[in-house]
Amino acid sequence: MKLDAKSVLAPAAILFAICIVVAAALAGTNALTEDRIAQAALAKAEESRMVVLPGAEAFQESGDGTHYIGLSKEAPDGGAVGYVFETESKGYGGTVKVMTGISTEGEITGVVVLSHSETPGLGANAEKESFREQYQQPVGNLAGGIQVVKFQAPNEGEIQAMTGATITSAAVTNAVNSAIEMYQDAYASEGGK
């Protein structure tokens, strides 16, 4: 079989034209949805802040940009009811991003796993409320941070590892411990506020 320029160039030109049309369609779709995606991400972040710090009515970014301050009209001390920290740690499948709420009294009020690449059915169980509610403890009693335990009932300052997902349990715990450190650095000198 003899190849000539027409038999090679014609299919290549058609494929090139298809690629141009598809790329233009993707660029157009991205341009149309970019604002909506950004708005959805902001709404999800705000919703997550409300979950981890339920007493807050609004949030304001801290002066140094490291966390959010939860505000309420019902709160003393200028309206602050707590603080929200976003931290991350290395899990089994990649980075685990966590949002932690800590009240002005120094109590962890909630934890939300924002994103992860953990194994479905194992590490992905970190999103379950039954696992996340273990973190709701006073920060003042956690000098060494929260510890992960296996095969025993957890005491104060400990959480029970998820079965088959100890690495993910440790990753979420490390992220929460980072939030505790940030809180203590910023607010411990204020007597828990």
C-alpha atoms as a PDB file:
ATOM      1  CA  MET A   1       0.000   0.000   0.000  1.00  0.00           C
ATOM      2  CA  LYS A   2       1.384   3.303  -1.067  1.00  0.00           C
ATOM      3  CA  LEU A   3       0.848   6.389   1.119  1.00  0.00           C
ATOM      4  CA  ASP A   4       0.356   9.750  -0.460  1.00  0.00           C
ATOM      5  CA  ALA A   5       0.170  13.179   1.158  1.00  0.00           C
ATOM      6  CA  LYS A   6      -3.608  13.425   0.734  1.00  0.00           C
ATOM      7  CA  SER A   7      -4.342  10.150   2.589  1.00  0.00           C
ATOM      8  CA  VAL A   8      -2.217  11.288   5.562  1.00  0.00           C
ATOM      9  CA  LEU A   9      -3.030  14.989   5.729  1.00  0.00           C
ATOM     10  CA  ALA A  10      -6.826  14.764   5.307  1.00  0.00           C
ATOM     11  CA  PRO A  11      -7.451  12.675   8.490  1.00  0.00           C
ATOM     12  CA  ALA A  12      -4.882  14.749  10.414  1.00  0.00           C
ATOM     13  CA  ALA A  13      -6.632  17.984   9.394  1.00  0.00           C
ATOM     14  CA  ILE A  14     -10.019  16.560  10.434  1.00  0.00           C
ATOM     15  CA  LEU A  15      -8.662  15.484  13.834  1.00  0.00           C
ATOM     16  CA  PHE A  16      -7.058  18.898  14.293  1.00  0.00           C
ATOM     17  CA  ALA A  17     -10.365  20.629  13.518  1.00  0.00           C
ATOM     18  CA  ILE A  18     -12.216  18.368  15.973  1.00  0.00           C
ATOM     19  CA  CYS A  19      -9.660  19.182  18.683  1.00  0.00           C
ATOM     20  CA  ILE A  20     -10.079  22.917  18.071  1.00  0.00           C
ATOM     21  CA  VAL A  21     -13.899  22.660  18.319  1.00  0.00           C
ATOM     22  CA  VAL A  22     -13.751  20.543  21.501  1.00  0.00           C
ATOM     23  CA  ALA A  23     -11.187  22.859  23.132  1.00  0.00           C
ATOM     24  CA  ALA A  24     -13.343  25.901  22.299  1.00  0.00           C
ATOM     25  CA  ALA A  25     -16.414  24.160  23.738  1.00  0.00           C
ATOM     26  CA  LEU A  26     -14.555  23.334  26.972  1.00  0.00           C
ATOM     27  CA  ALA A  27     -13.227  26.887  27.269  1.00  0.00           C
ATOM     28  CA  GLY A  28     -16.742  28.256  26.743  1.00  0.00           C
ATOM     29  CA  THR A  29     -18.216  25.905  29.331  1.00  0.00           C
ATOM     30  CA  ASN A  30     -15.505  26.899  31.820  1.00  0.00           C
ATOM     31  CA  ALA A  31     -16.154  30.594  31.219  1.00  0.00           C
ATOM     32  CA  LEU A  32     -19.909  30.116  31.726  1.00  0.00           C
ATOM     33  CA  THR A  33     -19.605  28.064  34.922  1.00  0.00           C
ATOM     34  CA  GLU A  34     -16.529  29.590  36.583  1.00  0.00           C
ATOM     35  CA  ASP A  35     -18.493  32.123  38.656  1.00  0.00           C
ATOM     36  CA  ARG A  36     -21.121  29.577  39.689  1.00  0.00           C
ATOM     37  CA  ILE A  37     -18.448  27.111  40.810  1.00  0.00           C
ATOM     38  CA  ALA A  38     -16.704  29.825  42.856  1.00  0.00           C
ATOM     39  CA  GLN A  39     -20.019  30.862  44.447  1.00  0.00           C
ATOM     40  CA  ALA A  40     -20.831  27.230  45.275  1.00  0.00           C
ATOM     41  CA  ALA A  41     -17.407  26.786  46.898  1.00  0.00           C
ATOM     42  CA  LEU A  42     -17.918  29.924  49.003  1.00  0.00           C
ATOM     43  CA  ALA A  43     -21.391  28.758  50.041  1.00  0.00           C
ATOM     44  CA  LYS A  44     -20.058  25.319  50.998  1.00  0.00           C
ATOM     45  CA  ALA A  45     -17.258  26.886  53.062  1.00  0.00           C
ATOM     46  CA  GLU A  46     -19.772  29.136  54.856  1.00  0.00           C
ATOM     47  CA  GLU A  47     -22.056  26.163  55.498  1.00  0.00           C
ATOM     48  CA  SER A  48     -19.130  24.159  56.900  1.00  0.00           C
ATOM     49  CA  ARG A  49     -18.193  27.058  59.204  1.00  0.00           C
ATOM     50  CA  MET A  50     -21.780  27.065  60.520  1.00  0.00           C
ATOM     51  CA  VAL A  51     -21.549  23.324  61.190  1.00  0.00           C
ATOM     52  CA  VAL A  52     -18.282  23.489  63.140  1.00  0.00           C
ATOM     53  CA  LEU A  53     -19.262  26.619  65.087  1.00  0.00           C
ATOM     54  CA  PRO A  54     -23.046  26.367  65.458  1.00  0.00           C
ATOM     55  CA  GLY A  55     -23.450  29.425  67.717  1.00  0.00           C
ATOM     56  CA  ALA A  56     -22.112  31.835  65.102  1.00  0.00           C
ATOM     57  CA  GLU A  57     -24.380  33.930  62.901  1.00  0.00           C
ATOM     58  CA  ALA A  58     -21.632  35.406  60.723  1.00  0.00           C
ATOM     59  CA  PHE A  59     -17.895  35.044  60.153  1.00  0.00           C
ATOM     60  CA  GLN A  60     -15.109  37.521  59.686  1.00  0.00           C
ATOM     61  CA  GLU A  61     -11.606  36.701  58.564  1.00  0.00           C
ATOM     62  CA  SER A  62      -8.945  37.212  61.243  1.00  0.00           C
ATOM     63  CA  GLY A  63      -6.524  40.081  60.868  1.00  0.00           C
ATOM     64  CA  ASP A  64      -3.668  37.754  59.937  1.00  0.00           C
ATOM     65  CA  GLY A  65      -5.811  35.685  57.543  1.00  0.00           C
ATOM     66  CA  THR A  66      -5.153  32.375  59.315  1.00  0.00           C
ATOM     67  CA  HIS A  67      -8.702  31.670  60.491  1.00  0.00           C
ATOM     68  CA  TYR A  68     -12.244  33.006  60.836  1.00  0.00           C
ATOM     69  CA  ILE A  69     -13.875  34.556  63.878  1.00  0.00           C
ATOM     70  CA  GLY A  70     -17.462  33.474  64.497  1.00  0.00           C
ATOM     71  CA  LEU A  71     -19.749  36.328  65.552  1.00  0.00           C
ATOM     72  CA  SER A  72     -23.142  36.447  67.221  1.00  0.00           C
ATOM     73  CA  LYS A  73     -25.326  39.292  68.456  1.00  0.00           C
ATOM     74  CA  GLU A  74     -26.000  37.241  71.582  1.00  0.00           C
ATOM     75  CA  ALA A  75     -22.313  36.908  72.508  1.00  0.00           C
ATOM     76  CA  PRO A  76     -20.413  39.048  75.003  1.00  0.00           C
ATOM     77  CA  ASP A  77     -16.954  40.434  74.244  1.00  0.00           C
ATOM     78  CA  GLY A  78     -17.793  42.169  71.010  1.00  0.00           C
ATOM     79  CA  GLY A  79     -19.724  39.331  69.461  1.00  0.00           C
ATOM     80  CA  ALA A  80     -17.083  36.559  69.179  1.00  0.00           C
ATOM     81  CA  VAL A  81     -18.372  33.066  69.974  1.00  0.00           C
ATOM     82  CA  GLY A  82     -15.434  31.121  68.590  1.00  0.00           C
ATOM     83  CA  TYR A  83     -12.936  30.542  65.840  1.00  0.00           C
ATOM     84  CA  VAL A  84     -12.746  28.364  62.733  1.00  0.00           C
ATOM     85  CA  PHE A  85      -9.457  26.949  61.470  1.00  0.00           C
ATOM     86  CA  GLU A  86      -8.774  25.148  58.184  1.00  0.00           C
ATOM     87  CA  THR A  87      -5.855  22.741  58.391  1.00  0.00           C
ATOM     88  CA  GLU A  88      -4.575  19.724  56.509  1.00  0.00           C
ATOM     89  CA  SER A  89      -2.530  16.592  57.026  1.00  0.00           C
ATOM     90  CA  LYS A  90      -1.242  13.673  54.979  1.00  0.00           C
ATOM     91  CA  GLY A  91      -3.624  10.726  54.885  1.00  0.00           C
ATOM     92  CA  TYR A  92      -3.460   7.291  53.275  1.00  0.00           C
ATOM     93  CA  GLY A  93      -4.654   8.485  49.854  1.00  0.00           C
ATOM     94  CA  GLY A  94      -3.336  12.049  49.911  1.00  0.00           C
ATOM     95  CA  THR A  95      -4.045  15.311  51.664  1.00  0.00           C
ATOM     96  CA  VAL A  96      -6.927  15.456  54.141  1.00  0.00           C
ATOM     97  CA  LYS A  97      -8.336  18.984  54.617  1.00  0.00           C
ATOM     98  CA  VAL A  98     -10.218  19.627  57.843  1.00  0.00           C
ATOM     99  CA  MET A  99     -12.181  22.537  59.317  1.00  0.00           C
ATOM    100  CA  THR A 100     -12.260  22.799  63.122  1.00  0.00           C
ATOM    101  CA  GLY A 101     -14.399  25.084  65.276  1.00  0.00           C
ATOM    102  CA  ILE A 102     -13.225  26.120  68.745  1.00  0.00           C
ATOM    103  CA  SER A 103     -15.396  28.205  71.075  1.00  0.00           C
ATOM    104  CA  THR A 104     -14.164  31.233  73.002  1.00  0.00           C
ATOM    105  CA  GLU A 105     -14.334  29.002  76.097  1.00  0.00           C
ATOM    106  CA  GLY A 106     -11.758  26.692  74.513  1.00  0.00           C
ATOM    107  CA  GLU A 107     -13.980  23.769  73.510  1.00  0.00           C
ATOM    108  CA  ILE A 108     -13.867  22.045  70.126  1.00  0.00           C
ATOM    109  CA  THR A 109     -17.403  22.588  68.837  1.00  0.00           C
ATOM    110  CA  GLY A 110     -17.146  20.657  65.592  1.00  0.00           C
ATOM    111  CA  VAL A 111     -14.983  19.123  62.905  1.00  0.00           C
ATOM    112  CA  VAL A 112     -15.741  18.773  59.189  1.00  0.00           C
ATOM    113  CA  VAL A 113     -13.617  16.929  56.635  1.00  0.00           C
ATOM    114  CA  LEU A 114     -13.543  19.321  53.685  1.00  0.00           C
ATOM    115  CA  SER A 115     -11.749  17.085  51.191  1.00  0.00           C
ATOM    116  CA  HIS A 116      -9.840  13.827  51.036  1.00  0.00           C
ATOM    117  CA  SER A 117      -8.768  11.023  48.712  1.00  0.00           C
ATOM    118  CA  GLU A 118      -9.203   8.228  51.217  1.00  0.00           C
ATOM    119  CA  THR A 119     -10.454   4.719  50.472  1.00  0.00           C
ATOM    120  CA  PRO A 120     -14.260   4.506  50.100  1.00  0.00           C
ATOM    121  CA  GLY A 121     -15.796   2.446  52.892  1.00  0.00           C
ATOM    122  CA  LEU A 122     -12.720   2.819  55.113  1.00  0.00           C
ATOM    123  CA  GLY A 123     -10.951   6.172  55.338  1.00  0.00           C
ATOM    124  CA  ALA A 124     -13.894   7.949  53.749  1.00  0.00           C
ATOM    125  CA  ASN A 125     -15.802   7.124  56.960  1.00  0.00           C
ATOM    126  CA  ALA A 126     -13.998  10.114  58.492  1.00  0.00           C
ATOM    127  CA  GLU A 127     -16.889  12.165  57.116  1.00  0.00           C
ATOM    128  CA  LYS A 128     -19.377  10.357  59.376  1.00  0.00           C
ATOM    129  CA  GLU A 129     -20.770  12.289  62.327  1.00  0.00           C
ATOM    130  CA  SER A 130     -20.117   9.360  64.694  1.00  0.00           C
ATOM    131  CA  PHE A 131     -16.377   9.703  64.043  1.00  0.00           C
ATOM    132  CA  ARG A 132     -16.220  13.513  63.934  1.00  0.00           C
ATOM    133  CA  GLU A 133     -18.154  14.077  67.176  1.00  0.00           C
ATOM    134  CA  GLN A 134     -15.339  12.385  69.141  1.00  0.00           C
ATOM    135  CA  TYR A 135     -13.294  15.565  68.740  1.00  0.00           C
ATOM    136  CA  GLN A 136     -15.729  17.712  70.730  1.00  0.00           C
ATOM    137  CA  GLN A 137     -13.535  18.137  73.803  1.00  0.00           C
ATOM    138  CA  PRO A 138     -12.108  21.001  75.859  1.00  0.00           C
ATOM    139  CA  VAL A 139      -8.841  22.255  74.362  1.00  0.00           C
ATOM    140  CA  GLY A 140      -7.381  23.241  77.739  1.00  0.00           C
ATOM    141  CA  ASN A 141      -7.036  19.597  78.776  1.00  0.00           C
ATOM    142  CA  LEU A 142      -5.203  18.632  75.583  1.00  0.00           C
ATOM    143  CA  ALA A 143      -1.618  19.609  76.398  1.00  0.00           C
ATOM    144  CA  GLY A 144      -0.201  17.024  73.998  1.00  0.00           C
ATOM    145  CA  GLY A 145      -3.077  17.253  71.551  1.00  0.00           C
ATOM    146  CA  ILE A 146      -5.626  14.558  70.821  1.00  0.00           C
ATOM    147  CA  GLN A 147      -4.290  11.004  70.597  1.00  0.00           C
ATOM    148  CA  VAL A 148      -5.634   8.149  68.460  1.00  0.00           C
ATOM    149  CA  VAL A 149      -6.273   4.846  70.259  1.00  0.00           C
ATOM    150  CA  LYS A 150      -7.132   1.406  68.921  1.00  0.00           C
ATOM    151  CA  PHE A 151      -8.797  -1.556  70.605  1.00  0.00           C
ATOM    152  CA  GLN A 152      -9.786   0.349  73.742  1.00  0.00           C
ATOM    153  CA  ALA A 153     -12.379   2.857  74.845  1.00  0.00           C
ATOM    154  CA  PRO A 154     -11.045   6.389  74.451  1.00  0.00           C
ATOM    155  CA  ASN A 155     -10.530   8.634  77.459  1.00  0.00           C
ATOM    156  CA  GLU A 156     -10.523  12.426  77.443  1.00  0.00           C
ATOM    157  CA  GLY A 157      -7.926  13.650  74.959  1.00  0.00           C
ATOM    158  CA  GLU A 158      -8.291  10.523  72.831  1.00  0.00           C
ATOM    159  CA  ILE A 159     -10.410   9.397  69.900  1.00  0.00           C
ATOM    160  CA  GLN A 160     -11.149   5.861  68.729  1.00  0.00           C
ATOM    161  CA  ALA A 161      -9.497   5.051  65.380  1.00  0.00           C
ATOM    162  CA  MET A 162     -11.760   3.934  62.576  1.00  0.00           C
ATOM    163  CA  THR A 163     -11.509   0.214  61.944  1.00  0.00           C
ATOM    164  CA  GLY A 164      -9.183  -0.395  59.005  1.00  0.00           C
ATOM    165  CA  ALA A 165      -8.378   3.296  58.640  1.00  0.00           C
ATOM    166  CA  THR A 166      -5.879   4.181  61.350  1.00  0.00           C
ATOM    167  CA  ILE A 167      -3.821   6.328  58.964  1.00  0.00           C
ATOM    168  CA  THR A 168      -6.873   8.407  58.047  1.00  0.00           C
ATOM    169  CA  SER A 169      -7.859   8.681  61.723  1.00  0.00           C
ATOM    170  CA  ALA A 170      -4.360   9.961  62.478  1.00  0.00           C
ATOM    171  CA  ALA A 171      -4.487  12.403  59.542  1.00  0.00           C
ATOM    172  CA  VAL A 172      -7.752  13.979  60.720  1.00  0.00           C
ATOM    173  CA  THR A 173      -6.409  14.069  64.282  1.00  0.00           C
ATOM    174  CA  ASN A 174      -3.169  15.727  63.158  1.00  0.00           C
ATOM    175  CA  ALA A 175      -5.175  18.380  61.301  1.00  0.00           C
ATOM    176  CA  VAL A 176      -7.346  18.993  64.386  1.00  0.00           C
ATOM    177  CA  ASN A 177      -4.202  19.183  66.538  1.00  0.00           C
ATOM    178  CA  SER A 178      -2.821  21.816  64.140  1.00  0.00           C
ATOM    179  CA  ALA A 179      -6.007  23.829  64.678  1.00  0.00           C
ATOM    180  CA  ILE A 180      -5.609  23.464  68.454  1.00  0.00           C
ATOM    181  CA  GLU A 181      -2.033  24.771  68.208  1.00  0.00           C
ATOM    182  CA  MET A 182      -3.165  27.723  66.092  1.00  0.00           C
ATOM    183  CA  TYR A 183      -5.907  28.488  68.603  1.00  0.00           C
ATOM    184  CA  GLN A 184      -3.524  28.264  71.561  1.00  0.00           C
ATOM    185  CA  ASP A 185      -0.954  30.477  69.817  1.00  0.00           C
ATOM    186  CA  ALA A 186      -3.562  33.116  69.041  1.00  0.00           C
ATOM    187  CA  TYR A 187      -5.874  33.000  72.065  1.00  0.00           C
ATOM    188  CA  ALA A 188      -4.398  31.039  75.015  1.00  0.00           C
ATOM    189  CA  SER A 189      -2.841  34.207  76.477  1.00  0.00           C
ATOM    190  CA  GLU A 190      -6.341  35.722  76.633  1.00  0.00           C
ATOM    191  CA  GLY A 191      -7.460  33.143  79.170  1.00  0.00           C
ATOM    192  CA  GLY A 192      -9.271  30.895  76.706  1.00  0.00           C
ATOM    193  CA  LYS A 193     -10.686  33.709  74.622  1.00  0.00           C
END
